[in-house]
Structures are given as C-alpha cells and as structure tokens.
C-alpha cells in the first residue's frame, strides 16, 4: 500500500524542484555565454555543435 506524502514532504520536494530548475537555468545561461564567446573568437568551431 502506498501512502500519500505529507504536506511537509510536498513542500520540501517543491523547494528542491525550484532549486534544481534554478541550477538548470544557470547552466543553460553559462552554455549560451560560452557559445557566444566561441562564436566571436572561433566561429568555425560551432559548425559541429548544431
């Protein structure tokens, strides 16, 4: 039998989910910045990444 999670557990999971979403957004931003730098310095390198 599966018990339903408590409201405290749900709140903890929601907070963890928000933290993970923030980390993912930061990583996406870092990747975009690095690709932009490469594009400016060595545009021929981006051909293999698309």
Protein backbone atom coordinates (compact mmCIF):
# COMPACT_ATOMS: atom_id res chain seq x y z
CA UNK A 1 0.00 0.00 0.00
CA UNK A 2 1.35 3.41 -0.97
CA UNK A 3 0.83 6.23 1.49
CA UNK A 4 0.37 9.80 0.34
CA UNK A 5 3.16 12.24 1.15
CA UNK A 6 2.70 14.72 3.96
CA UNK A 7 2.37 18.43 3.27
CA UNK A 8 5.86 18.94 4.74
CA UNK A 9 7.29 16.39 2.29
CA UNK A 10 5.47 18.03 -0.61
CA UNK A 11 6.81 21.45 0.41
CA UNK A 12 10.36 20.06 0.65
CA UNK A 13 10.06 18.49 -2.79
CA UNK A 14 8.68 21.70 -4.27
CA UNK A 15 11.61 23.67 -2.82
CA UNK A 16 14.08 21.12 -4.16
CA UNK A 17 12.40 21.27 -7.56
CA UNK A 18 12.70 25.07 -7.65
CA UNK A 19 16.38 24.86 -6.70
CA UNK A 20 17.04 22.33 -9.46
CA UNK A 21 15.21 24.48 -12.02
CA UNK A 22 17.36 27.45 -11.00
CA UNK A 23 20.56 25.41 -11.38
CA UNK A 24 19.46 24.20 -14.80
CA UNK A 25 18.70 27.76 -15.88
CA UNK A 26 22.13 28.90 -14.71
CA UNK A 27 23.82 26.10 -16.64
CA UNK A 28 21.84 26.96 -19.77
CA UNK A 29 22.94 30.59 -19.41
CA UNK A 30 26.59 29.56 -18.94
CA UNK A 31 26.43 27.41 -22.07
CA UNK A 32 24.88 30.25 -24.07
CA UNK A 33 27.58 32.67 -22.91
CA UNK A 34 30.37 30.22 -23.78
CA UNK A 35 28.90 29.53 -27.21
CA UNK A 36 28.65 33.26 -27.84
CA UNK A 37 32.32 33.69 -26.90
CA UNK A 38 33.36 30.83 -29.18
CA UNK A 39 31.23 32.26 -31.97
CA UNK A 40 33.08 35.56 -31.69
CA UNK A 41 36.57 34.04 -31.36
CA UNK A 42 36.35 30.87 -33.48
CA UNK A 43 33.10 30.69 -35.47
CA UNK A 44 34.25 27.61 -37.40
CA UNK A 45 34.08 25.53 -34.18
CA UNK A 46 30.31 25.95 -33.86
CA UNK A 47 29.56 24.00 -37.04
CA UNK A 48 29.97 20.68 -35.20
CA UNK A 49 27.74 21.70 -32.24
CA UNK A 50 24.50 22.38 -34.08
